[in-house]
Amino acid sequence: MNINSQPTPGKPVRGSKTGQPIMVIFDLLGRSWAMGIIWHLNNGPSTFRKLQEYCENISPTTLNKRIKELTLADLIERTIDGYTLTEQGRELFKLIHPLGNWAKQWAKRINNK
């Protein structure tokens, strides 16, 4: 299993030898800056340079790789205005946004123990 290849349902990924879809999306989103890119693009289109700045000066190689993976997964696309979320990407953001809010509350509880 090559965890550096494009995560694809039905193919092995971290945590699933059979490539269960939930594990495939978790594998993709667990890669460096994948969720950050989706989070940032929820605010609207962004250029490569703006994404690089947002991602704390991620290397161009890594950013290109992540953009390719997210594009192949039909979560982002390139338009004349820059990179943007696809309909699938917007749906995913609507699902993970509440999880982000939950995580902030969870972190507060954990840190106060």
N, C-alpha and C. Protein backbone atom coordinates (compact mmCIF):
# COMPACT_ATOMS: atom_id res chain seq x y z
N MET A 1 0.84 -1.18 0.00
CA MET A 1 0.00 0.00 0.00
C MET A 1 0.88 1.25 0.00
N ASN A 2 0.65 2.13 -0.92
CA ASN A 2 1.39 3.39 -1.00
C ASN A 2 0.48 4.51 -0.51
N ILE A 3 0.69 4.97 0.73
CA ILE A 3 -0.20 5.99 1.29
C ILE A 3 0.06 7.36 0.69
N ASN A 4 1.08 7.47 -0.14
CA ASN A 4 1.35 8.75 -0.79
C ASN A 4 0.63 8.90 -2.13
N SER A 5 -0.03 7.83 -2.60
CA SER A 5 -0.74 7.90 -3.86
C SER A 5 -2.13 8.50 -3.65
N GLN A 6 -2.83 8.76 -4.75
CA GLN A 6 -4.16 9.35 -4.69
C GLN A 6 -5.11 8.44 -3.93
N PRO A 7 -5.73 8.93 -2.84
CA PRO A 7 -6.71 8.11 -2.13
C PRO A 7 -7.93 7.87 -3.02
N THR A 8 -8.28 6.61 -3.20
CA THR A 8 -9.39 6.25 -4.08
C THR A 8 -10.25 5.18 -3.40
N PRO A 9 -11.58 5.40 -3.34
CA PRO A 9 -12.44 4.37 -2.76
C PRO A 9 -12.21 3.02 -3.43
N GLY A 10 -12.14 1.99 -2.61
CA GLY A 10 -11.92 0.65 -3.12
C GLY A 10 -10.46 0.25 -3.18
N LYS A 11 -9.56 1.19 -2.93
CA LYS A 11 -8.13 0.89 -2.91
C LYS A 11 -7.61 1.13 -1.50
N PRO A 12 -6.62 0.34 -1.05
CA PRO A 12 -6.11 0.48 0.32
C PRO A 12 -5.64 1.90 0.65
N VAL A 13 -5.97 2.34 1.86
CA VAL A 13 -5.50 3.61 2.41
C VAL A 13 -5.17 3.37 3.88
N ARG A 14 -4.62 4.39 4.52
CA ARG A 14 -4.35 4.26 5.96
C ARG A 14 -5.65 3.90 6.67
N GLY A 15 -5.60 2.83 7.43
CA GLY A 15 -6.75 2.44 8.24
C GLY A 15 -7.77 1.55 7.54
N SER A 16 -7.60 1.28 6.25
CA SER A 16 -8.57 0.42 5.54
C SER A 16 -7.89 -0.29 4.38
N LYS A 17 -7.76 -1.60 4.52
CA LYS A 17 -7.17 -2.39 3.43
C LYS A 17 -8.11 -2.49 2.23
N THR A 18 -9.41 -2.27 2.47
CA THR A 18 -10.38 -2.39 1.38
C THR A 18 -10.79 -1.04 0.81
N GLY A 19 -10.28 0.05 1.36
CA GLY A 19 -10.58 1.37 0.83
C GLY A 19 -12.00 1.83 1.07
N GLN A 20 -12.49 1.60 2.28
CA GLN A 20 -13.83 2.07 2.61
C GLN A 20 -13.90 3.59 2.40
N PRO A 21 -14.97 4.10 1.77
CA PRO A 21 -15.05 5.52 1.43
C PRO A 21 -14.79 6.47 2.60
N ILE A 22 -15.29 6.16 3.79
CA ILE A 22 -15.07 7.06 4.94
C ILE A 22 -13.58 7.12 5.28
N MET A 23 -12.90 6.00 5.17
CA MET A 23 -11.47 5.99 5.47
C MET A 23 -10.67 6.68 4.37
N VAL A 24 -11.15 6.58 3.14
CA VAL A 24 -10.47 7.24 2.03
C VAL A 24 -10.53 8.75 2.21
N ILE A 25 -11.72 9.28 2.56
CA ILE A 25 -11.81 10.74 2.74
C ILE A 25 -11.02 11.17 3.96
N PHE A 26 -11.00 10.37 5.02
CA PHE A 26 -10.19 10.71 6.19
C PHE A 26 -8.70 10.70 5.83
N ASP A 27 -8.28 9.75 5.01
CA ASP A 27 -6.88 9.69 4.58
C ASP A 27 -6.54 10.97 3.80
N LEU A 28 -7.39 11.34 2.85
CA LEU A 28 -7.14 12.53 2.06
C LEU A 28 -7.12 13.79 2.93
N LEU A 29 -8.11 13.93 3.80
CA LEU A 29 -8.19 15.12 4.64
C LEU A 29 -7.10 15.17 5.70
N GLY A 30 -6.52 14.02 6.03
CA GLY A 30 -5.45 13.96 7.02
C GLY A 30 -4.09 14.34 6.47
N ARG A 31 -4.00 14.53 5.19
CA ARG A 31 -2.73 14.92 4.59
C ARG A 31 -2.46 16.40 4.86
N SER A 32 -1.18 16.74 4.95
CA SER A 32 -0.80 18.10 5.34
C SER A 32 -1.49 19.15 4.48
N TRP A 33 -2.18 20.01 5.16
CA TRP A 33 -2.86 21.18 4.62
C TRP A 33 -4.08 20.90 3.76
N ALA A 34 -4.51 19.67 3.61
CA ALA A 34 -5.70 19.39 2.79
C ALA A 34 -6.93 20.08 3.39
N MET A 35 -7.16 19.90 4.69
CA MET A 35 -8.32 20.55 5.31
C MET A 35 -8.14 22.06 5.34
N GLY A 36 -6.92 22.52 5.54
CA GLY A 36 -6.67 23.96 5.55
C GLY A 36 -7.01 24.60 4.22
N ILE A 37 -6.69 23.92 3.14
CA ILE A 37 -7.00 24.44 1.81
C ILE A 37 -8.52 24.51 1.63
N ILE A 38 -9.22 23.45 2.01
CA ILE A 38 -10.68 23.46 1.90
C ILE A 38 -11.27 24.56 2.76
N TRP A 39 -10.77 24.70 3.99
CA TRP A 39 -11.26 25.73 4.91
C TRP A 39 -11.06 27.12 4.31
N HIS A 40 -9.89 27.36 3.76
CA HIS A 40 -9.57 28.67 3.17
C HIS A 40 -10.44 28.94 1.95
N LEU A 41 -10.62 27.94 1.09
CA LEU A 41 -11.40 28.15 -0.13
C LEU A 41 -12.88 28.34 0.14
N ASN A 42 -13.33 27.99 1.34
CA ASN A 42 -14.72 28.27 1.68
C ASN A 42 -15.00 29.77 1.67
N ASN A 43 -13.96 30.58 1.85
CA ASN A 43 -14.11 32.04 1.85
C ASN A 43 -14.13 32.61 0.43
N GLY A 44 -13.93 31.77 -0.57
CA GLY A 44 -13.94 32.22 -1.96
C GLY A 44 -12.69 31.78 -2.69
N PRO A 45 -12.64 32.08 -3.99
CA PRO A 45 -11.51 31.67 -4.81
C PRO A 45 -10.18 32.23 -4.28
N SER A 46 -9.12 31.50 -4.57
CA SER A 46 -7.79 31.91 -4.11
C SER A 46 -6.74 31.50 -5.14
N THR A 47 -5.75 32.33 -5.29
CA THR A 47 -4.63 32.01 -6.18
C THR A 47 -3.67 31.04 -5.49
N PHE A 48 -2.78 30.47 -6.27
CA PHE A 48 -1.76 29.58 -5.73
C PHE A 48 -0.94 30.30 -4.66
N ARG A 49 -0.52 31.54 -4.96
CA ARG A 49 0.31 32.30 -4.03
C ARG A 49 -0.44 32.58 -2.71
N LYS A 50 -1.72 32.94 -2.81
CA LYS A 50 -2.50 33.19 -1.59
C LYS A 50 -2.66 31.91 -0.77
N LEU A 51 -2.88 30.79 -1.46
CA LEU A 51 -2.97 29.52 -0.75
C LEU A 51 -1.65 29.20 -0.05
N GLN A 52 -0.55 29.48 -0.73
CA GLN A 52 0.76 29.22 -0.15
C GLN A 52 0.97 30.07 1.10
N GLU A 53 0.57 31.33 1.06
CA GLU A 53 0.68 32.21 2.24
C GLU A 53 -0.21 31.71 3.36
N TYR A 54 -1.45 31.35 3.04
CA TYR A 54 -2.38 30.86 4.05
C TYR A 54 -1.85 29.61 4.72
N CYS A 55 -1.22 28.76 3.94
CA CYS A 55 -0.69 27.49 4.45
C CYS A 55 0.71 27.66 5.04
N GLU A 56 0.98 28.83 5.58
CA GLU A 56 2.24 29.11 6.27
C GLU A 56 3.45 28.79 5.40
N ASN A 57 3.39 29.26 4.17
CA ASN A 57 4.49 29.09 3.23
C ASN A 57 4.85 27.62 2.97
N ILE A 58 3.82 26.81 2.79
CA ILE A 58 3.98 25.42 2.38
C ILE A 58 4.85 25.38 1.12
N SER A 59 5.62 24.35 0.94
CA SER A 59 6.46 24.27 -0.25
C SER A 59 5.58 24.18 -1.50
N PRO A 60 6.03 24.76 -2.60
CA PRO A 60 5.25 24.68 -3.84
C PRO A 60 4.99 23.24 -4.27
N THR A 61 5.94 22.36 -4.03
CA THR A 61 5.78 20.95 -4.41
C THR A 61 4.64 20.32 -3.63
N THR A 62 4.61 20.54 -2.32
CA THR A 62 3.56 19.96 -1.49
C THR A 62 2.21 20.58 -1.84
N LEU A 63 2.16 21.89 -2.02
CA LEU A 63 0.90 22.53 -2.37
C LEU A 63 0.39 22.02 -3.71
N ASN A 64 1.27 21.91 -4.69
CA ASN A 64 0.86 21.37 -6.00
C ASN A 64 0.28 19.96 -5.86
N LYS A 65 0.93 19.16 -5.04
CA LYS A 65 0.47 17.78 -4.83
C LYS A 65 -0.91 17.77 -4.18
N ARG A 66 -1.08 18.60 -3.16
CA ARG A 66 -2.37 18.65 -2.46
C ARG A 66 -3.47 19.16 -3.38
N ILE A 67 -3.16 20.18 -4.18
CA ILE A 67 -4.15 20.71 -5.13
C ILE A 67 -4.55 19.62 -6.13
N LYS A 68 -3.58 18.87 -6.61
CA LYS A 68 -3.86 17.79 -7.56
C LYS A 68 -4.77 16.74 -6.92
N GLU A 69 -4.43 16.34 -5.69
CA GLU A 69 -5.24 15.33 -5.00
C GLU A 69 -6.67 15.82 -4.78
N LEU A 70 -6.81 17.05 -4.32
CA LEU A 70 -8.15 17.59 -4.05
C LEU A 70 -8.94 17.80 -5.33
N THR A 71 -8.24 18.12 -6.42
CA THR A 71 -8.90 18.28 -7.72
C THR A 71 -9.37 16.92 -8.23
N LEU A 72 -8.50 15.91 -8.16
CA LEU A 72 -8.88 14.56 -8.61
C LEU A 72 -10.03 14.00 -7.78
N ALA A 73 -10.14 14.43 -6.53
CA ALA A 73 -11.22 13.99 -5.65
C ALA A 73 -12.49 14.81 -5.87
N ASP A 74 -12.46 15.74 -6.82
CA ASP A 74 -13.60 16.60 -7.15
C ASP A 74 -14.03 17.47 -5.97
N LEU A 75 -13.04 17.94 -5.19
CA LEU A 75 -13.34 18.82 -4.07
C LEU A 75 -12.98 20.27 -4.39
N ILE A 76 -11.98 20.48 -5.26
CA ILE A 76 -11.64 21.83 -5.69
C ILE A 76 -11.45 21.82 -7.21
N GLU A 77 -11.48 23.02 -7.78
CA GLU A 77 -11.25 23.17 -9.21
C GLU A 77 -10.59 24.52 -9.45
N ARG A 78 -9.98 24.63 -10.62
CA ARG A 78 -9.35 25.89 -10.99
C ARG A 78 -10.28 26.66 -11.91
N THR A 79 -10.47 27.92 -11.61
CA THR A 79 -11.31 28.79 -12.42
C THR A 79 -10.48 30.00 -12.83
N ILE A 80 -11.06 30.93 -13.57
CA ILE A 80 -10.32 32.13 -13.95
C ILE A 80 -10.02 33.00 -12.73
N ASP A 81 -10.76 32.81 -11.64
CA ASP A 81 -10.53 33.58 -10.41
C ASP A 81 -9.55 32.91 -9.47
N GLY A 82 -9.12 31.70 -9.79
CA GLY A 82 -8.22 30.95 -8.92
C GLY A 82 -8.85 29.62 -8.56
N TYR A 83 -8.34 29.00 -7.53
CA TYR A 83 -8.88 27.72 -7.06
C TYR A 83 -10.12 27.99 -6.23
N THR A 84 -11.09 27.10 -6.37
CA THR A 84 -12.35 27.26 -5.64
C THR A 84 -12.90 25.88 -5.29
N LEU A 85 -13.81 25.84 -4.33
CA LEU A 85 -14.46 24.58 -3.98
C LEU A 85 -15.46 24.20 -5.06
N THR A 86 -15.55 22.92 -5.35
CA THR A 86 -16.60 22.41 -6.22
C THR A 86 -17.87 22.27 -5.37
N GLU A 87 -18.95 21.85 -5.98
CA GLU A 87 -20.17 21.59 -5.22
C GLU A 87 -19.90 20.53 -4.15
N GLN A 88 -19.14 19.47 -4.53
CA GLN A 88 -18.78 18.43 -3.57
C GLN A 88 -17.95 19.01 -2.42
N GLY A 89 -17.03 19.91 -2.76
CA GLY A 89 -16.19 20.54 -1.75
C GLY A 89 -17.01 21.39 -0.79
N ARG A 90 -17.99 22.11 -1.32
CA ARG A 90 -18.86 22.93 -0.45
C ARG A 90 -19.69 22.04 0.47
N GLU A 91 -20.17 20.91 -0.07
CA GLU A 91 -20.93 19.97 0.76
C GLU A 91 -20.05 19.42 1.88
N LEU A 92 -18.81 19.07 1.53
CA LEU A 92 -17.89 18.56 2.54
C LEU A 92 -17.64 19.61 3.61
N PHE A 93 -17.42 20.86 3.20
CA PHE A 93 -17.17 21.91 4.19
C PHE A 93 -18.35 22.04 5.14
N LYS A 94 -19.56 21.97 4.63
CA LYS A 94 -20.75 22.06 5.49
C LYS A 94 -20.77 20.95 6.53
N LEU A 95 -20.18 19.82 6.19
CA LEU A 95 -20.12 18.70 7.13
C LEU A 95 -19.00 18.86 8.15
N ILE A 96 -17.84 19.36 7.72
CA ILE A 96 -16.70 19.44 8.64
C ILE A 96 -16.71 20.72 9.48
N HIS A 97 -17.42 21.75 9.05
CA HIS A 97 -17.45 22.99 9.83
C HIS A 97 -17.99 22.76 11.24
N PRO A 98 -19.13 22.06 11.41
CA PRO A 98 -19.58 21.78 12.78
C PRO A 98 -18.57 20.96 13.58
N LEU A 99 -17.86 20.07 12.92
CA LEU A 99 -16.83 19.29 13.61
C LEU A 99 -15.72 20.21 14.11
N GLY A 100 -15.38 21.22 13.32
CA GLY A 100 -14.38 22.21 13.75
C GLY A 100 -14.82 22.94 15.01
N ASN A 101 -16.11 23.33 15.04
CA ASN A 101 -16.64 24.00 16.23
C ASN A 101 -16.63 23.07 17.43
N TRP A 102 -17.03 21.82 17.21
CA TRP A 102 -17.01 20.84 18.29
C TRP A 102 -15.59 20.66 18.81
N ALA A 103 -14.62 20.60 17.91
CA ALA A 103 -13.22 20.38 18.29
C ALA A 103 -12.70 21.52 19.17
N LYS A 104 -13.12 22.75 18.88
CA LYS A 104 -12.69 23.89 19.71
C LYS A 104 -13.20 23.73 21.13
N GLN A 105 -14.46 23.34 21.29
CA GLN A 105 -15.02 23.13 22.63
C GLN A 105 -14.35 21.95 23.32
N TRP A 106 -14.12 20.90 22.59
CA TRP A 106 -13.44 19.73 23.13
C TRP A 106 -12.05 20.10 23.62
N ALA A 107 -11.32 20.88 22.83
CA ALA A 107 -9.96 21.29 23.21
C ALA A 107 -9.98 22.10 24.50
N LYS A 108 -10.96 22.97 24.65
CA LYS A 108 -11.07 23.76 25.88
C LYS A 108 -11.28 22.84 27.08
N ARG A 109 -12.18 21.85 26.93
CA ARG A 109 -12.44 20.92 28.05
C ARG A 109 -11.18 20.12 28.38
N ILE A 110 -10.50 19.63 27.37
CA ILE A 110 -9.29 18.83 27.59
C ILE A 110 -8.20 19.66 28.24
N ASN A 111 -8.03 20.89 27.77
CA ASN A 111 -6.97 21.76 28.29
C ASN A 111 -7.25 22.26 29.70
N ASN A 112 -8.50 22.21 30.14
CA ASN A 112 -8.86 22.68 31.47
C ASN A 112 -8.84 21.55 32.51
N LYS A 113 -8.46 20.36 32.12
CA LYS A 113 -8.41 19.24 33.07
C LYS A 113 -7.13 19.28 33.85
